[in-house]
C-alpha atoms as a PDB file:
ATOM      1  CA  UNK A   1      28.415  11.213 -39.020  1.00  0.00           C
ATOM      2  CA  UNK A   2      25.532   8.934 -39.659  1.00  0.00           C
ATOM      3  CA  UNK A   3      22.485   7.406 -38.042  1.00  0.00           C
ATOM      4  CA  UNK A   4      17.863   6.954 -37.293  1.00  0.00           C
ATOM      5  CA  UNK A   5      14.826   7.664 -35.104  1.00  0.00           C
ATOM      6  CA  UNK A   6      11.207   6.905 -35.469  1.00  0.00           C
ATOM      7  CA  UNK A   7       7.998   7.769 -33.731  1.00  0.00           C
ATOM      8  CA  UNK A   8       6.945   5.219 -31.090  1.00  0.00           C
ATOM      9  CA  UNK A   9       3.348   6.315 -31.149  1.00  0.00           C
ATOM     10  CA  UNK A  10       0.505   5.026 -33.266  1.00  0.00           C
ATOM     11  CA  UNK A  11      -0.728   1.530 -33.952  1.00  0.00           C
ATOM     12  CA  UNK A  12       1.860  -1.013 -34.954  1.00  0.00           C
ATOM     13  CA  UNK A  13       2.770  -4.606 -34.246  1.00  0.00           C
ATOM     14  CA  UNK A  14       5.140  -4.955 -31.317  1.00  0.00           C
ATOM     15  CA  UNK A  15       7.751  -7.663 -31.133  1.00  0.00           C
ATOM     16  CA  UNK A  16       7.286 -10.003 -28.137  1.00  0.00           C
ATOM     17  CA  UNK A  17       9.793  -9.330 -25.330  1.00  0.00           C
ATOM     18  CA  UNK A  18      12.712 -11.691 -24.793  1.00  0.00           C
ATOM     19  CA  UNK A  19      16.232 -12.381 -26.032  1.00  0.00           C
ATOM     20  CA  UNK A  20      16.224 -12.501 -29.830  1.00  0.00           C
ATOM     21  CA  UNK A  21      18.720 -12.946 -32.642  1.00  0.00           C
ATOM     22  CA  UNK A  22      18.872  -9.637 -34.520  1.00  0.00           C
ATOM     23  CA  UNK A  23      20.690  -7.884 -37.361  1.00  0.00           C
ATOM     24  CA  UNK A  24      21.476  -4.168 -37.554  1.00  0.00           C
ATOM     25  CA  UNK A  25      20.228  -2.763 -40.852  1.00  0.00           C
ATOM     26  CA  UNK A  26      19.765   0.982 -40.452  1.00  0.00           C
ATOM     27  CA  UNK A  27      21.346   3.993 -38.741  1.00  0.00           C
ATOM     28  CA  UNK A  28      19.966   7.545 -38.904  1.00  0.00           C
ATOM     29  CA  UNK A  29      21.455  10.842 -37.814  1.00  0.00           C
ATOM     30  CA  UNK A  30      18.862  13.009 -36.023  1.00  0.00           C
ATOM     31  CA  UNK A  31      21.203  15.934 -35.510  1.00  0.00           C
ATOM     32  CA  UNK A  32      21.318  17.971 -32.320  1.00  0.00           C
ATOM     33  CA  UNK A  33      18.170  17.591 -30.235  1.00  0.00           C
ATOM     34  CA  UNK A  34      16.993  19.406 -27.106  1.00  0.00           C
ATOM     35  CA  UNK A  35      16.565  17.002 -24.190  1.00  0.00           C
ATOM     36  CA  UNK A  36      15.333  17.740 -20.674  1.00  0.00           C
ATOM     37  CA  UNK A  37      16.212  15.805 -17.529  1.00  0.00           C
ATOM     38  CA  UNK A  38      15.156  16.895 -14.047  1.00  0.00           C
ATOM     39  CA  UNK A  39      14.196  20.277 -15.448  1.00  0.00           C
ATOM     40  CA  UNK A  40      17.590  20.874 -17.069  1.00  0.00           C
ATOM     41  CA  UNK A  41      17.685  21.263 -20.859  1.00  0.00           C
ATOM     42  CA  UNK A  42      20.650  19.962 -22.836  1.00  0.00           C
ATOM     43  CA  UNK A  43      21.547  19.940 -26.518  1.00  0.00           C
ATOM     44  CA  UNK A  44      22.678  16.461 -27.557  1.00  0.00           C
ATOM     45  CA  UNK A  45      23.576  14.906 -30.887  1.00  0.00           C
ATOM     46  CA  UNK A  46      21.191  11.959 -31.292  1.00  0.00           C
ATOM     47  CA  UNK A  47      21.126   8.877 -33.496  1.00  0.00           C
ATOM     48  CA  UNK A  48      18.890   5.810 -33.760  1.00  0.00           C
ATOM     49  CA  UNK A  49      19.989   2.271 -34.557  1.00  0.00           C
ATOM     50  CA  UNK A  50      17.540  -0.238 -36.086  1.00  0.00           C
ATOM     51  CA  UNK A  51      17.549  -4.036 -36.014  1.00  0.00           C
ATOM     52  CA  UNK A  52      15.487  -6.714 -37.744  1.00  0.00           C
ATOM     53  CA  UNK A  53      14.454  -9.559 -35.429  1.00  0.00           C
ATOM     54  CA  UNK A  54      15.027 -13.209 -36.315  1.00  0.00           C
ATOM     55  CA  UNK A  55      13.731 -14.854 -33.144  1.00  0.00           C
ATOM     56  CA  UNK A  56      11.227 -17.598 -32.451  1.00  0.00           C
ATOM     57  CA  UNK A  57       8.071 -17.535 -30.369  1.00  0.00           C
ATOM     58  CA  UNK A  58       7.076 -19.788 -27.480  1.00  0.00           C
ATOM     59  CA  UNK A  59       5.559 -22.150 -30.053  1.00  0.00           C
ATOM     60  CA  UNK A  60       8.922 -22.526 -31.788  1.00  0.00           C
ATOM     61  CA  UNK A  61       7.723 -20.699 -34.902  1.00  0.00           C
ATOM     62  CA  UNK A  62       9.668 -17.766 -36.424  1.00  0.00           C
ATOM     63  CA  UNK A  63       8.550 -14.375 -35.154  1.00  0.00           C
ATOM     64  CA  UNK A  64       6.911 -12.548 -38.054  1.00  0.00           C
ATOM     65  CA  UNK A  65       4.505  -9.675 -38.478  1.00  0.00           C
ATOM     66  CA  UNK A  66       1.148 -10.330 -40.106  1.00  0.00           C
ATOM     67  CA  UNK A  67       2.514  -9.424 -43.536  1.00  0.00           C
ATOM     68  CA  UNK A  68       5.399 -11.889 -43.168  1.00  0.00           C
ATOM     69  CA  UNK A  69       8.138  -9.333 -42.537  1.00  0.00           C
ATOM     70  CA  UNK A  70      10.438  -9.652 -39.504  1.00  0.00           C
ATOM     71  CA  UNK A  71       9.712  -7.546 -36.452  1.00  0.00           C
ATOM     72  CA  UNK A  72      11.928  -4.541 -35.880  1.00  0.00           C
ATOM     73  CA  UNK A  73      13.462  -2.853 -32.854  1.00  0.00           C
ATOM     74  CA  UNK A  74      15.334   0.412 -32.453  1.00  0.00           C
ATOM     75  CA  UNK A  75      17.272   2.327 -29.842  1.00  0.00           C
ATOM     76  CA  UNK A  76      18.005   6.041 -29.548  1.00  0.00           C
ATOM     77  CA  UNK A  77      21.531   7.015 -28.548  1.00  0.00           C
ATOM     78  CA  UNK A  78      23.446  10.182 -27.753  1.00  0.00           C
ATOM     79  CA  UNK A  79      26.499  10.323 -29.994  1.00  0.00           C
ATOM     80  CA  UNK A  80      29.111  10.149 -27.243  1.00  0.00           C
ATOM     81  CA  UNK A  81      32.171   8.107 -26.252  1.00  0.00           C
ATOM     82  CA  UNK A  82      31.750   8.926 -22.545  1.00  0.00           C
ATOM     83  CA  UNK A  83      32.409   5.905 -20.324  1.00  0.00           C
ATOM     84  CA  UNK A  84      28.789   6.136 -19.126  1.00  0.00           C
ATOM     85  CA  UNK A  85      27.264   6.732 -22.578  1.00  0.00           C
ATOM     86  CA  UNK A  86      24.753   4.054 -23.573  1.00  0.00           C
ATOM     87  CA  UNK A  87      26.194   3.967 -27.100  1.00  0.00           C
ATOM     88  CA  UNK A  88      29.649   3.014 -25.856  1.00  0.00           C
ATOM     89  CA  UNK A  89      28.240   0.581 -23.269  1.00  0.00           C
ATOM     90  CA  UNK A  90      26.061  -1.230 -25.824  1.00  0.00           C
ATOM     91  CA  UNK A  91      28.738  -1.325 -28.538  1.00  0.00           C
ATOM     92  CA  UNK A  92      31.268  -2.804 -26.121  1.00  0.00           C
ATOM     93  CA  UNK A  93      28.749  -5.345 -24.865  1.00  0.00           C
ATOM     94  CA  UNK A  94      27.829  -6.156 -28.480  1.00  0.00           C
ATOM     95  CA  UNK A  95      31.417  -6.836 -29.559  1.00  0.00           C
ATOM     96  CA  UNK A  96      32.229  -8.613 -26.295  1.00  0.00           C
ATOM     97  CA  UNK A  97      35.225  -6.495 -25.311  1.00  0.00           C
ATOM     98  CA  UNK A  98      36.006  -2.833 -24.522  1.00  0.00           C
ATOM     99  CA  UNK A  99      37.367  -0.398 -27.066  1.00  0.00           C
ATOM    100  CA  UNK A 100      40.989   0.650 -26.900  1.00  0.00           C
ATOM    101  CA  UNK A 101      41.823   4.357 -27.034  1.00  0.00           C
ATOM    102  CA  UNK A 102      43.133   3.857 -30.577  1.00  0.00           C
ATOM    103  CA  UNK A 103      39.936   2.138 -31.707  1.00  0.00           C
ATOM    104  CA  UNK A 104      37.790   4.929 -30.274  1.00  0.00           C
ATOM    105  CA  UNK A 105      39.801   7.522 -32.208  1.00  0.00           C
ATOM    106  CA  UNK A 106      39.017   5.853 -35.532  1.00  0.00           C
ATOM    107  CA  UNK A 107      35.925   3.667 -35.026  1.00  0.00           C
ATOM    108  CA  UNK A 108      33.446   3.954 -37.895  1.00  0.00           C
ATOM    109  CA  UNK A 109      29.831   3.291 -36.930  1.00  0.00           C
ATOM    110  CA  UNK A 110      29.112   1.967 -40.401  1.00  0.00           C
ATOM    111  CA  UNK A 111      30.892  -1.232 -39.371  1.00  0.00           C
ATOM    112  CA  UNK A 112      27.867  -2.256 -37.276  1.00  0.00           C
ATOM    113  CA  UNK A 113      25.569  -2.267 -40.330  1.00  0.00           C
ATOM    114  CA  UNK A 114      24.846  -5.890 -41.171  1.00  0.00           C
ATOM    115  CA  UNK A 115      26.285  -7.078 -37.841  1.00  0.00           C
ATOM    116  CA  UNK A 116      24.361  -9.736 -35.891  1.00  0.00           C
ATOM    117  CA  UNK A 117      23.724  -9.727 -32.151  1.00  0.00           C
ATOM    118  CA  UNK A 118      21.447 -10.980 -29.417  1.00  0.00           C
ATOM    119  CA  UNK A 119      18.947  -8.266 -28.504  1.00  0.00           C
ATOM    120  CA  UNK A 120      17.227  -8.263 -25.115  1.00  0.00           C
ATOM    121  CA  UNK A 121      13.783  -6.674 -25.442  1.00  0.00           C
ATOM    122  CA  UNK A 122      11.671  -5.836 -22.409  1.00  0.00           C
ATOM    123  CA  UNK A 123       8.162  -4.490 -21.986  1.00  0.00           C
ATOM    124  CA  UNK A 124       7.690  -1.290 -19.999  1.00  0.00           C
ATOM    125  CA  UNK A 125       5.198   1.543 -19.559  1.00  0.00           C
ATOM    126  CA  UNK A 126       6.044   5.056 -20.603  1.00  0.00           C
ATOM    127  CA  UNK A 127       5.086   8.294 -18.868  1.00  0.00           C
ATOM    128  CA  UNK A 128       2.123   8.480 -21.249  1.00  0.00           C
ATOM    129  CA  UNK A 129       0.752   5.214 -19.853  1.00  0.00           C
ATOM    130  CA  UNK A 130       1.398   3.323 -23.086  1.00  0.00           C
ATOM    131  CA  UNK A 131       3.269   0.023 -23.241  1.00  0.00           C
ATOM    132  CA  UNK A 132       6.527  -0.072 -25.184  1.00  0.00           C
ATOM    133  CA  UNK A 133       9.090  -2.701 -26.123  1.00  0.00           C
ATOM    134  CA  UNK A 134      12.560  -1.344 -25.337  1.00  0.00           C
ATOM    135  CA  UNK A 135      16.094  -2.544 -26.008  1.00  0.00           C
ATOM    136  CA  UNK A 136      17.784  -3.371 -22.696  1.00  0.00           C
ATOM    137  CA  UNK A 137      20.865  -5.240 -23.764  1.00  0.00           C
ATOM    138  CA  UNK A 138      22.979  -6.040 -26.831  1.00  0.00           C
ATOM    139  CA  UNK A 139      25.347  -9.029 -26.704  1.00  0.00           C
ATOM    140  CA  UNK A 140      27.339 -11.187 -29.155  1.00  0.00           C
ATOM    141  CA  UNK A 141      25.752 -14.138 -30.939  1.00  0.00           C
ATOM    142  CA  UNK A 142      26.714 -17.429 -29.216  1.00  0.00           C
ATOM    143  CA  UNK A 143      29.007 -19.708 -31.226  1.00  0.00           C
ATOM    144  CA  UNK A 144      26.378 -22.477 -31.173  1.00  0.00           C
ATOM    145  CA  UNK A 145      23.921 -20.260 -33.059  1.00  0.00           C
ATOM    146  CA  UNK A 146      26.574 -19.173 -35.560  1.00  0.00           C
ATOM    147  CA  UNK A 147      27.557 -22.764 -36.237  1.00  0.00           C
ATOM    148  CA  UNK A 148      23.958 -23.730 -36.981  1.00  0.00           C
ATOM    149  CA  UNK A 149      23.805 -21.079 -39.711  1.00  0.00           C
ATOM    150  CA  UNK A 150      22.524 -17.513 -39.706  1.00  0.00           C
ATOM    151  CA  UNK A 151      19.118 -16.594 -41.207  1.00  0.00           C
ATOM    152  CA  UNK A 152      18.825 -14.889 -44.577  1.00  0.00           C
ATOM    153  CA  UNK A 153      18.913 -11.072 -44.150  1.00  0.00           C
ATOM    154  CA  UNK A 154      15.729  -9.223 -45.120  1.00  0.00           C
ATOM    155  CA  UNK A 155      16.192  -5.446 -45.036  1.00  0.00           C
ATOM    156  CA  UNK A 156      18.770  -3.607 -47.122  1.00  0.00           C
ATOM    157  CA  UNK A 157      21.502  -1.762 -45.235  1.00  0.00           C
ATOM    158  CA  UNK A 158      20.787   1.980 -44.983  1.00  0.00           C
ATOM    159  CA  UNK A 159      22.407   4.974 -43.375  1.00  0.00           C
ATOM    160  CA  UNK A 160      21.211   8.579 -43.280  1.00  0.00           C
ATOM    161  CA  UNK A 161      23.832  11.274 -42.738  1.00  0.00           C
ATOM    162  CA  UNK A 162      22.950  14.908 -42.145  1.00  0.00           C
ATOM    163  CA  UNK A 163      26.238  16.154 -43.582  1.00  0.00           C
ATOM    164  CA  UNK A 164      25.235  14.638 -46.951  1.00  0.00           C
ATOM    165  CA  UNK A 165      21.580  13.581 -46.698  1.00  0.00           C
ATOM    166  CA  UNK A 166      20.026  11.030 -49.013  1.00  0.00           C
ATOM    167  CA  UNK A 167      16.788  12.873 -49.777  1.00  0.00           C
ATOM    168  CA  UNK A 168      15.182   9.869 -51.482  1.00  0.00           C
ATOM    169  CA  UNK A 169      15.665   7.956 -48.219  1.00  0.00           C
ATOM    170  CA  UNK A 170      14.454  10.947 -46.203  1.00  0.00           C
ATOM    171  CA  UNK A 171      11.168  10.985 -48.115  1.00  0.00           C
ATOM    172  CA  UNK A 172      10.450   7.415 -46.953  1.00  0.00           C
ATOM    173  CA  UNK A 173      10.521   8.455 -43.269  1.00  0.00           C
ATOM    174  CA  UNK A 174       7.446   8.879 -41.077  1.00  0.00           C
ATOM    175  CA  UNK A 175       6.297  12.511 -40.872  1.00  0.00           C
ATOM    176  CA  UNK A 176       7.180  12.777 -37.180  1.00  0.00           C
ATOM    177  CA  UNK A 177      10.661  11.467 -37.876  1.00  0.00           C
ATOM    178  CA  UNK A 178      11.076  14.013 -40.649  1.00  0.00           C
ATOM    179  CA  UNK A 179       9.907  16.739 -38.287  1.00  0.00           C
ATOM    180  CA  UNK A 180      12.406  15.725 -35.630  1.00  0.00           C
ATOM    181  CA  UNK A 181      15.299  15.812 -38.068  1.00  0.00           C
ATOM    182  CA  UNK A 182      14.117  19.097 -39.585  1.00  0.00           C
ATOM    183  CA  UNK A 183      14.165  20.870 -36.222  1.00  0.00           C
ATOM    184  CA  UNK A 184      17.880  20.152 -35.759  1.00  0.00           C
ATOM    185  CA  UNK A 185      20.378  23.000 -36.356  1.00  0.00           C
ATOM    186  CA  UNK A 186      22.255  20.724 -38.767  1.00  0.00           C
ATOM    187  CA  UNK A 187      19.177  20.528 -41.008  1.00  0.00           C
ATOM    188  CA  UNK A 188      18.551  24.264 -40.683  1.00  0.00           C
ATOM    189  CA  UNK A 189      22.096  24.907 -41.863  1.00  0.00           C
ATOM    190  CA  UNK A 190      21.464  22.717 -44.919  1.00  0.00           C
ATOM    191  CA  UNK A 191      18.471  24.918 -45.748  1.00  0.00           C
ATOM    192  CA  UNK A 192      20.617  28.039 -45.620  1.00  0.00           C
ATOM    193  CA  UNK A 193      19.134  29.199 -42.327  1.00  0.00           C
ATOM    194  CA  UNK A 194      21.155  30.409 -39.368  1.00  0.00           C
ATOM    195  CA  UNK A 195      20.584  27.984 -36.476  1.00  0.00           C
ATOM    196  CA  UNK A 196      20.837  28.909 -32.822  1.00  0.00           C
ATOM    197  CA  UNK A 197      24.366  28.362 -31.408  1.00  0.00           C
ATOM    198  CA  UNK A 198      24.898  24.852 -30.119  1.00  0.00           C
ATOM    199  CA  UNK A 199      27.816  23.179 -28.366  1.00  0.00           C
ATOM    200  CA  UNK A 200      30.034  21.103 -30.633  1.00  0.00           C
ATOM    201  CA  UNK A 201      28.771  17.503 -30.516  1.00  0.00           C
ATOM    202  CA  UNK A 202      31.032  14.571 -29.791  1.00  0.00           C
ATOM    203  CA  UNK A 203      32.232  13.062 -33.048  1.00  0.00           C
ATOM    204  CA  UNK A 204      32.917   9.525 -34.148  1.00  0.00           C
ATOM    205  CA  UNK A 205      34.983   8.745 -37.228  1.00  0.00           C
ATOM    206  CA  UNK A 206      32.883   8.826 -40.360  1.00  0.00           C
ATOM    207  CA  UNK A 207      35.127   9.355 -43.335  1.00  0.00           C
ATOM    208  CA  UNK A 208      33.879   7.858 -46.608  1.00  0.00           C
ATOM    209  CA  UNK A 209      37.448   7.731 -47.939  1.00  0.00           C
ATOM    210  CA  UNK A 210      38.911   5.953 -44.925  1.00  0.00           C
ATOM    211  CA  UNK A 211      36.688   2.989 -44.011  1.00  0.00           C
ATOM    212  CA  UNK A 212      38.082   1.422 -40.866  1.00  0.00           C
ATOM    213  CA  UNK A 213      39.644  -2.012 -41.271  1.00  0.00           C
ATOM    214  CA  UNK A 214      39.265  -2.693 -37.551  1.00  0.00           C
ATOM    215  CA  UNK A 215      36.812  -5.585 -37.084  1.00  0.00           C
ATOM    216  CA  UNK A 216      33.747  -4.606 -35.102  1.00  0.00           C
END
């Protein structure tokens, strides 16, 4: 398994909404998290996918943060291949065609690292009254954009897996992100603690010794 999540709170520069060229550069495994919907609690294996934005503003200038770095966007997903799962819906939209049953049996999420897409970002208000920029669509890059040449990547490709965590990478995470990962039963097991029983999460292929040769 592998994947990322980060706190949405605090002061940070938000990317302007719109359809932007983007590149996936990071995936983090959050482990099993307790989620509530309509008063019903569920235990779900969660991941977060990160993108760097390479769009342009209304003035035609590249979108950059004040320090010159590209803006970022991320989306939380439940690790599921259900036909209604947002992960499956967005991946299929991203690649431009549905997965076959064979592809779903062996698809390796690491293949999306470094992949380019068009990311639709919209502005919305959360239950806390704050304004957020959320991912509301992932689609393929049009041929016209590809032919004109892709931008130079900025961020290194990273993946955090709870079955073999990179602790140096973990130490770079925001404290709230660390806390979220640390409350998962998968993390507790790593620490030699006995976690509360949880249902077996849906699994996607993630075998280091068998990298999928199926194009994303």
